[in-house]
Amino acid sequence: ADVRAAILGCLRELPYAVGVTGLVAILRGSPNTPASAARLAQFGACADTSRTLLNRAVQALLDEGALERYMKDQYPMLRIADAGG
């Protein structure tokens, strides 16, 4: 599976905000994720990918400006950057 596509697809489809740790858990198919996340096409899509590689892929997307961090209730969350500015 294309890790970058899985990250972006997951963030597009998620019905709630998530940080890096939560995103990685969903992509790796962790049983400790909400039921709504388990229904996503991306749930477990990167089960064979290490947490380290997923974290690096997220950081690369942040560095490129494809993703951005924002604060919600004192927690850093991720979202797809607004291409419109």
PDB file of N, CA and C in Angstrom:
ATOM      1  N   ALA A   1       0.848  -1.201   0.000  1.00  0.00           N
ATOM      2  CA  ALA A   1       0.000   0.000   0.000  1.00  0.00           C
ATOM      3  C   ALA A   1       0.885   1.253   0.000  1.00  0.00           C
ATOM      4  N   ASP A   2       0.415   2.251  -0.661  1.00  0.00           N
ATOM      5  CA  ASP A   2       1.134   3.520  -0.685  1.00  0.00           C
ATOM      6  C   ASP A   2       0.893   4.236   0.641  1.00  0.00           C
ATOM      7  N   VAL A   3       1.926   4.360   1.435  1.00  0.00           N
ATOM      8  CA  VAL A   3       1.821   4.935   2.772  1.00  0.00           C
ATOM      9  C   VAL A   3       1.297   6.368   2.713  1.00  0.00           C
ATOM     10  N   ARG A   4       1.831   7.155   1.813  1.00  0.00           N
ATOM     11  CA  ARG A   4       1.392   8.554   1.701  1.00  0.00           C
ATOM     12  C   ARG A   4      -0.105   8.641   1.371  1.00  0.00           C
ATOM     13  N   ALA A   5      -0.544   7.832   0.429  1.00  0.00           N
ATOM     14  CA  ALA A   5      -1.956   7.839   0.042  1.00  0.00           C
ATOM     15  C   ALA A   5      -2.836   7.385   1.203  1.00  0.00           C
ATOM     16  N   ALA A   6      -2.364   6.415   1.968  1.00  0.00           N
ATOM     17  CA  ALA A   6      -3.122   5.932   3.122  1.00  0.00           C
ATOM     18  C   ALA A   6      -3.249   7.022   4.189  1.00  0.00           C
ATOM     19  N   ILE A   7      -2.173   7.740   4.439  1.00  0.00           N
ATOM     20  CA  ILE A   7      -2.195   8.830   5.427  1.00  0.00           C
ATOM     21  C   ILE A   7      -3.197   9.898   5.004  1.00  0.00           C
ATOM     22  N   LEU A   8      -3.077  10.361   3.768  1.00  0.00           N
ATOM     23  CA  LEU A   8      -3.967  11.421   3.291  1.00  0.00           C
ATOM     24  C   LEU A   8      -5.415  10.955   3.225  1.00  0.00           C
ATOM     25  N   GLY A   9      -5.628   9.740   2.760  1.00  0.00           N
ATOM     26  CA  GLY A   9      -6.987   9.204   2.683  1.00  0.00           C
ATOM     27  C   GLY A   9      -7.622   9.068   4.053  1.00  0.00           C
ATOM     28  N   CYS A  10      -6.843   8.612   5.011  1.00  0.00           N
ATOM     29  CA  CYS A  10      -7.351   8.451   6.373  1.00  0.00           C
ATOM     30  C   CYS A  10      -7.755   9.800   6.963  1.00  0.00           C
ATOM     31  N   LEU A  11      -6.909  10.788   6.816  1.00  0.00           N
ATOM     32  CA  LEU A  11      -7.233  12.112   7.356  1.00  0.00           C
ATOM     33  C   LEU A  11      -8.447  12.722   6.660  1.00  0.00           C
ATOM     34  N   ARG A  12      -8.621  12.433   5.365  1.00  0.00           N
ATOM     35  CA  ARG A  12      -9.790  12.936   4.629  1.00  0.00           C
ATOM     36  C   ARG A  12     -11.082  12.303   5.134  1.00  0.00           C
ATOM     37  N   GLU A  13     -11.013  11.023   5.457  1.00  0.00           N
ATOM     38  CA  GLU A  13     -12.217  10.259   5.806  1.00  0.00           C
ATOM     39  C   GLU A  13     -12.574  10.273   7.288  1.00  0.00           C
ATOM     40  N   LEU A  14     -11.616  10.544   8.148  1.00  0.00           N
ATOM     41  CA  LEU A  14     -11.878  10.486   9.596  1.00  0.00           C
ATOM     42  C   LEU A  14     -12.945  11.488  10.021  1.00  0.00           C
ATOM     43  N   PRO A  15     -13.909  11.053  10.833  1.00  0.00           N
ATOM     44  CA  PRO A  15     -14.960  11.964  11.287  1.00  0.00           C
ATOM     45  C   PRO A  15     -14.564  12.792  12.514  1.00  0.00           C
ATOM     46  N   TYR A  16     -13.328  12.662  12.959  1.00  0.00           N
ATOM     47  CA  TYR A  16     -12.858  13.408  14.132  1.00  0.00           C
ATOM     48  C   TYR A  16     -11.374  13.732  13.976  1.00  0.00           C
ATOM     49  N   ALA A  17     -10.905  14.665  14.803  1.00  0.00           N
ATOM     50  CA  ALA A  17      -9.501  15.077  14.766  1.00  0.00           C
ATOM     51  C   ALA A  17      -8.616  13.986  15.356  1.00  0.00           C
ATOM     52  N   VAL A  18      -7.404  13.914  14.838  1.00  0.00           N
ATOM     53  CA  VAL A  18      -6.462  12.897  15.300  1.00  0.00           C
ATOM     54  C   VAL A  18      -5.041  13.467  15.240  1.00  0.00           C
ATOM     55  N   GLY A  19      -4.209  13.005  16.153  1.00  0.00           N
ATOM     56  CA  GLY A  19      -2.796  13.367  16.138  1.00  0.00           C
ATOM     57  C   GLY A  19      -1.990  12.260  15.471  1.00  0.00           C
ATOM     58  N   VAL A  20      -0.695  12.397  15.509  1.00  0.00           N
ATOM     59  CA  VAL A  20       0.173  11.422  14.846  1.00  0.00           C
ATOM     60  C   VAL A  20      -0.005  10.033  15.451  1.00  0.00           C
ATOM     61  N   THR A  21      -0.006   9.934  16.765  1.00  0.00           N
ATOM     62  CA  THR A  21      -0.117   8.626  17.422  1.00  0.00           C
ATOM     63  C   THR A  21      -1.415   7.930  17.046  1.00  0.00           C
ATOM     64  N   GLY A  22      -2.523   8.665  17.071  1.00  0.00           N
ATOM     65  CA  GLY A  22      -3.817   8.091  16.706  1.00  0.00           C
ATOM     66  C   GLY A  22      -3.868   7.679  15.246  1.00  0.00           C
ATOM     67  N   LEU A  23      -3.306   8.502  14.396  1.00  0.00           N
ATOM     68  CA  LEU A  23      -3.280   8.200  12.967  1.00  0.00           C
ATOM     69  C   LEU A  23      -2.495   6.921  12.708  1.00  0.00           C
ATOM     70  N   VAL A  24      -1.330   6.813  13.315  1.00  0.00           N
ATOM     71  CA  VAL A  24      -0.496   5.624  13.148  1.00  0.00           C
ATOM     72  C   VAL A  24      -1.232   4.385  13.664  1.00  0.00           C
ATOM     73  N   ALA A  25      -1.921   4.506  14.786  1.00  0.00           N
ATOM     74  CA  ALA A  25      -2.676   3.375  15.339  1.00  0.00           C
ATOM     75  C   ALA A  25      -3.755   2.900  14.360  1.00  0.00           C
ATOM     76  N   ILE A  26      -4.454   3.844  13.750  1.00  0.00           N
ATOM     77  CA  ILE A  26      -5.496   3.495  12.786  1.00  0.00           C
ATOM     78  C   ILE A  26      -4.876   2.799  11.573  1.00  0.00           C
ATOM     79  N   LEU A  27      -3.831   3.378  11.027  1.00  0.00           N
ATOM     80  CA  LEU A  27      -3.200   2.823   9.837  1.00  0.00           C
ATOM     81  C   LEU A  27      -2.605   1.440  10.086  1.00  0.00           C
ATOM     82  N   ARG A  28      -2.180   1.189  11.313  1.00  0.00           N
ATOM     83  CA  ARG A  28      -1.612  -0.129  11.647  1.00  0.00           C
ATOM     84  C   ARG A  28      -2.679  -1.112  12.107  1.00  0.00           C
ATOM     85  N   GLY A  29      -3.940  -0.659  12.224  1.00  0.00           N
ATOM     86  CA  GLY A  29      -5.032  -1.558  12.588  1.00  0.00           C
ATOM     87  C   GLY A  29      -5.115  -1.889  14.056  1.00  0.00           C
ATOM     88  N   SER A  30      -4.735  -0.956  14.907  1.00  0.00           N
ATOM     89  CA  SER A  30      -4.759  -1.181  16.351  1.00  0.00           C
ATOM     90  C   SER A  30      -6.184  -1.433  16.850  1.00  0.00           C
ATOM     91  N   PRO A  31      -6.348  -2.402  17.737  1.00  0.00           N
ATOM     92  CA  PRO A  31      -7.679  -2.635  18.322  1.00  0.00           C
ATOM     93  C   PRO A  31      -8.086  -1.532  19.296  1.00  0.00           C
ATOM     94  N   ASN A  32      -7.163  -0.641  19.647  1.00  0.00           N
ATOM     95  CA  ASN A  32      -7.444   0.436  20.596  1.00  0.00           C
ATOM     96  C   ASN A  32      -7.906   1.713  19.907  1.00  0.00           C
ATOM     97  N   THR A  33      -8.559   1.582  18.768  1.00  0.00           N
ATOM     98  CA  THR A  33      -9.083   2.741  18.057  1.00  0.00           C
ATOM     99  C   THR A  33     -10.604   2.700  18.105  1.00  0.00           C
ATOM    100  N   PRO A  34     -11.253   3.853  18.000  1.00  0.00           N
ATOM    101  CA  PRO A  34     -12.717   3.882  18.013  1.00  0.00           C
ATOM    102  C   PRO A  34     -13.310   3.064  16.860  1.00  0.00           C
ATOM    103  N   ALA A  35     -14.514   2.572  17.061  1.00  0.00           N
ATOM    104  CA  ALA A  35     -15.195   1.763  16.044  1.00  0.00           C
ATOM    105  C   ALA A  35     -15.326   2.514  14.728  1.00  0.00           C
ATOM    106  N   SER A  36     -15.526   3.839  14.797  1.00  0.00           N
ATOM    107  CA  SER A  36     -15.665   4.619  13.566  1.00  0.00           C
ATOM    108  C   SER A  36     -14.386   4.566  12.736  1.00  0.00           C
ATOM    109  N   ALA A  37     -13.241   4.502  13.394  1.00  0.00           N
ATOM    110  CA  ALA A  37     -11.966   4.410  12.674  1.00  0.00           C
ATOM    111  C   ALA A  37     -11.794   3.023  12.062  1.00  0.00           C
ATOM    112  N   ALA A  38     -12.263   1.998  12.761  1.00  0.00           N
ATOM    113  CA  ALA A  38     -12.129   0.635  12.264  1.00  0.00           C
ATOM    114  C   ALA A  38     -12.935   0.401  10.992  1.00  0.00           C
ATOM    115  N   ARG A  39     -13.900   1.256  10.717  1.00  0.00           N
ATOM    116  CA  ARG A  39     -14.717   1.112   9.503  1.00  0.00           C
ATOM    117  C   ARG A  39     -14.084   1.791   8.285  1.00  0.00           C
ATOM    118  N   LEU A  40     -13.032   2.547   8.484  1.00  0.00           N
ATOM    119  CA  LEU A  40     -12.373   3.235   7.374  1.00  0.00           C
ATOM    120  C   LEU A  40     -11.645   2.248   6.464  1.00  0.00           C
ATOM    121  N   ALA A  41     -11.599   2.570   5.181  1.00  0.00           N
ATOM    122  CA  ALA A  41     -10.866   1.737   4.227  1.00  0.00           C
ATOM    123  C   ALA A  41      -9.384   1.671   4.591  1.00  0.00           C
ATOM    124  N   GLN A  42      -8.870   2.730   5.220  1.00  0.00           N
ATOM    125  CA  GLN A  42      -7.445   2.795   5.549  1.00  0.00           C
ATOM    126  C   GLN A  42      -7.093   2.065   6.845  1.00  0.00           C
ATOM    127  N   PHE A  43      -8.094   1.615   7.591  1.00  0.00           N
ATOM    128  CA  PHE A  43      -7.832   0.929   8.858  1.00  0.00           C
ATOM    129  C   PHE A  43      -7.006  -0.329   8.579  1.00  0.00           C
ATOM    130  N   GLY A  44      -5.829  -0.382   9.146  1.00  0.00           N
ATOM    131  CA  GLY A  44      -4.950  -1.532   8.965  1.00  0.00           C
ATOM    132  C   GLY A  44      -4.239  -1.568   7.623  1.00  0.00           C
ATOM    133  N   ALA A  45      -4.391  -0.514   6.821  1.00  0.00           N
ATOM    134  CA  ALA A  45      -3.775  -0.501   5.485  1.00  0.00           C
ATOM    135  C   ALA A  45      -2.255  -0.569   5.557  1.00  0.00           C
ATOM    136  N   CYS A  46      -1.683  -0.130   6.669  1.00  0.00           N
ATOM    137  CA  CYS A  46      -0.224  -0.130   6.834  1.00  0.00           C
ATOM    138  C   CYS A  46       0.187  -1.034   7.995  1.00  0.00           C
ATOM    139  N   ALA A  47      -0.535  -2.130   8.163  1.00  0.00           N
ATOM    140  CA  ALA A  47      -0.269  -3.034   9.284  1.00  0.00           C
ATOM    141  C   ALA A  47       1.153  -3.580   9.272  1.00  0.00           C
ATOM    142  N   ASP A  48       1.731  -3.726   8.098  1.00  0.00           N
ATOM    143  CA  ASP A  48       3.083  -4.258   7.983  1.00  0.00           C
ATOM    144  C   ASP A  48       4.157  -3.173   7.960  1.00  0.00           C
ATOM    145  N   THR A  49       3.750  -1.940   8.160  1.00  0.00           N
ATOM    146  CA  THR A  49       4.678  -0.808   8.142  1.00  0.00           C
ATOM    147  C   THR A  49       5.023  -0.418   9.577  1.00  0.00           C
ATOM    148  N   SER A  50       6.278  -0.199   9.847  1.00  0.00           N
ATOM    149  CA  SER A  50       6.689   0.140  11.214  1.00  0.00           C
ATOM    150  C   SER A  50       6.164   1.516  11.623  1.00  0.00           C
ATOM    151  N   ARG A  51       6.011   1.689  12.923  1.00  0.00           N
ATOM    152  CA  ARG A  51       5.602   2.997  13.456  1.00  0.00           C
ATOM    153  C   ARG A  51       6.614   4.070  13.045  1.00  0.00           C
ATOM    154  N   THR A  52       7.884   3.714  13.076  1.00  0.00           N
ATOM    155  CA  THR A  52       8.941   4.666  12.719  1.00  0.00           C
ATOM    156  C   THR A  52       8.772   5.147  11.286  1.00  0.00           C
ATOM    157  N   LEU A  53       8.534   4.225  10.365  1.00  0.00           N
ATOM    158  CA  LEU A  53       8.375   4.619   8.970  1.00  0.00           C
ATOM    159  C   LEU A  53       7.119   5.468   8.786  1.00  0.00           C
ATOM    160  N   LEU A  54       6.043   5.122   9.470  1.00  0.00           N
ATOM    161  CA  LEU A  54       4.821   5.921   9.382  1.00  0.00           C
ATOM    162  C   LEU A  54       5.045   7.318   9.950  1.00  0.00           C
ATOM    163  N   ASN A  55       5.735   7.411  11.072  1.00  0.00           N
ATOM    164  CA  ASN A  55       6.042   8.723  11.656  1.00  0.00           C
ATOM    165  C   ASN A  55       6.885   9.559  10.695  1.00  0.00           C
ATOM    166  N   ARG A  56       7.840   8.922  10.041  1.00  0.00           N
ATOM    167  CA  ARG A  56       8.680   9.638   9.068  1.00  0.00           C
ATOM    168  C   ARG A  56       7.849  10.111   7.880  1.00  0.00           C
ATOM    169  N   ALA A  57       6.915   9.284   7.428  1.00  0.00           N
ATOM    170  CA  ALA A  57       6.063   9.663   6.298  1.00  0.00           C
ATOM    171  C   ALA A  57       5.178  10.847   6.671  1.00  0.00           C
ATOM    172  N   VAL A  58       4.640  10.844   7.884  1.00  0.00           N
ATOM    173  CA  VAL A  58       3.831  11.974   8.350  1.00  0.00           C
ATOM    174  C   VAL A  58       4.700  13.226   8.408  1.00  0.00           C
ATOM    175  N   GLN A  59       5.898  13.105   8.957  1.00  0.00           N
ATOM    176  CA  GLN A  59       6.797  14.258   9.054  1.00  0.00           C
ATOM    177  C   GLN A  59       7.159  14.783   7.672  1.00  0.00           C
ATOM    178  N   ALA A  60       7.367  13.892   6.725  1.00  0.00           N
ATOM    179  CA  ALA A  60       7.687  14.318   5.360  1.00  0.00           C
ATOM    180  C   ALA A  60       6.518  15.110   4.767  1.00  0.00           C
ATOM    181  N   LEU A  61       5.297  14.659   5.002  1.00  0.00           N
ATOM    182  CA  LEU A  61       4.117  15.379   4.506  1.00  0.00           C
ATOM    183  C   LEU A  61       3.973  16.738   5.194  1.00  0.00           C
ATOM    184  N   LEU A  62       4.328  16.807   6.465  1.00  0.00           N
ATOM    185  CA  LEU A  62       4.324  18.088   7.181  1.00  0.00           C
ATOM    186  C   LEU A  62       5.383  19.018   6.587  1.00  0.00           C
ATOM    187  N   ASP A  63       6.574  18.477   6.364  1.00  0.00           N
ATOM    188  CA  ASP A  63       7.674  19.281   5.815  1.00  0.00           C
ATOM    189  C   ASP A  63       7.340  19.810   4.424  1.00  0.00           C
ATOM    190  N   GLU A  64       6.622  19.022   3.640  1.00  0.00           N
ATOM    191  CA  GLU A  64       6.239  19.420   2.279  1.00  0.00           C
ATOM    192  C   GLU A  64       5.077  20.404   2.258  1.00  0.00           C
ATOM    193  N   GLY A  65       4.395  20.533   3.390  1.00  0.00           N
ATOM    194  CA  GLY A  65       3.242  21.420   3.436  1.00  0.00           C
ATOM    195  C   GLY A  65       1.935  20.752   3.048  1.00  0.00           C
ATOM    196  N   ALA A  66       1.953  19.446   2.837  1.00  0.00           N
ATOM    197  CA  ALA A  66       0.723  18.720   2.495  1.00  0.00           C
ATOM    198  C   ALA A  66      -0.162  18.545   3.729  1.00  0.00           C
ATOM    199  N   LEU A  67       0.471  18.459   4.895  1.00  0.00           N
ATOM    200  CA  LEU A  67      -0.242  18.370   6.174  1.00  0.00           C
ATOM    201  C   LEU A  67       0.165  19.548   7.042  1.00  0.00           C
ATOM    202  N   GLU A  68      -0.691  19.847   8.001  1.00  0.00           N
ATOM    203  CA  GLU A  68      -0.338  20.860   8.993  1.00  0.00           C
ATOM    204  C   GLU A  68      -0.806  20.415  10.362  1.00  0.00           C
ATOM    205  N   ARG A  69      -0.107  20.932  11.368  1.00  0.00           N
ATOM    206  CA  ARG A  69      -0.484  20.674  12.762  1.00  0.00           C
ATOM    207  C   ARG A  69      -1.289  21.858  13.263  1.00  0.00           C
ATOM    208  N   TYR A  70      -2.232  21.569  14.153  1.00  0.00           N
ATOM    209  CA  TYR A  70      -2.965  22.614  14.846  1.00  0.00           C
ATOM    210  C   TYR A  70      -3.306  22.097  16.237  1.00  0.00           C
ATOM    211  N   MET A  71      -3.614  23.010  17.137  1.00  0.00           N
ATOM    212  CA  MET A  71      -3.908  22.619  18.518  1.00  0.00           C
ATOM    213  C   MET A  71      -5.415  22.520  18.740  1.00  0.00           C
ATOM    214  N   LYS A  72      -5.817  21.461  19.416  1.00  0.00           N
ATOM    215  CA  LYS A  72      -7.208  21.282  19.809  1.00  0.00           C
ATOM    216  C   LYS A  72      -7.194  20.751  21.238  1.00  0.00           C
ATOM    217  N   ASP A  73      -7.772  21.516  22.134  1.00  0.00           N
ATOM    218  CA  ASP A  73      -7.793  21.128  23.552  1.00  0.00           C
ATOM    219  C   ASP A  73      -6.393  20.773  24.058  1.00  0.00           C
ATOM    220  N   GLN A  74      -5.426  21.572  23.705  1.00  0.00           N
ATOM    221  CA  GLN A  74      -4.036  21.443  24.133  1.00  0.00           C
ATOM    222  C   GLN A  74      -3.317  20.233  23.543  1.00  0.00           C
ATOM    223  N   TYR A  75      -3.891  19.615  22.511  1.00  0.00           N
ATOM    224  CA  TYR A  75      -3.257  18.464  21.867  1.00  0.00           C
ATOM    225  C   TYR A  75      -2.949  18.814  20.411  1.00  0.00           C
ATOM    226  N   PRO A  76      -1.765  18.441  19.925  1.00  0.00           N
ATOM    227  CA  PRO A  76      -1.455  18.696  18.512  1.00  0.00           C
ATOM    228  C   PRO A  76      -2.182  17.703  17.612  1.00  0.00           C
ATOM    229  N   MET A  77      -2.926  18.232  16.672  1.00  0.00           N
ATOM    230  CA  MET A  77      -3.704  17.425  15.738  1.00  0.00           C
ATOM    231  C   MET A  77      -3.168  17.642  14.328  1.00  0.00           C
ATOM    232  N   LEU A  78      -3.564  16.762  13.433  1.00  0.00           N
ATOM    233  CA  LEU A  78      -3.154  16.843  12.030  1.00  0.00           C
ATOM    234  C   LEU A  78      -4.354  17.133  11.149  1.00  0.00           C
ATOM    235  N   ARG A  79      -4.100  17.831  10.060  1.00  0.00           N
ATOM    236  CA  ARG A  79      -5.110  17.999   9.028  1.00  0.00           C
ATOM    237  C   ARG A  79      -4.410  18.202   7.701  1.00  0.00           C
ATOM    238  N   ILE A  80      -5.164  17.956   6.641  1.00  0.00           N
ATOM    239  CA  ILE A  80      -4.633  18.188   5.312  1.00  0.00           C
ATOM    240  C   ILE A  80      -4.585  19.707   5.128  1.00  0.00           C
ATOM    241  N   ALA A  81      -3.454  20.176   4.638  1.00  0.00           N
ATOM    242  CA  ALA A  81      -3.282  21.633   4.448  1.00  0.00           C
ATOM    243  C   ALA A  81      -4.258  22.145   3.407  1.00  0.00           C
ATOM    244  N   ASP A  82      -4.747  23.323   3.633  1.00  0.00           N
ATOM    245  CA  ASP A  82      -5.678  23.960   2.714  1.00  0.00           C
ATOM    246  C   ASP A  82      -4.899  24.505   1.521  1.00  0.00           C
ATOM    247  N   ALA A  83      -5.076  23.872   0.388  1.00  0.00           N
ATOM    248  CA  ALA A  83      -4.344  24.290  -0.812  1.00  0.00           C
ATOM    249  C   ALA A  83      -4.764  25.662  -1.277  1.00  0.00           C
ATOM    250  N   GLY A  84      -5.967  26.092  -0.850  1.00  0.00           N
ATOM    251  CA  GLY A  84      -6.479  27.398  -1.259  1.00  0.00           C
ATOM    252  C   GLY A  84      -5.862  28.548  -0.492  1.00  0.00           C
ATOM    253  N   GLY A  85      -5.071  28.247   0.512  1.00  0.00           N
ATOM    254  CA  GLY A  85      -4.381  29.334   1.154  1.00  0.00           C
ATOM    255  C   GLY A  85      -4.768  29.552   2.562  1.00  0.00           C
TER     256      GLY A  85
END
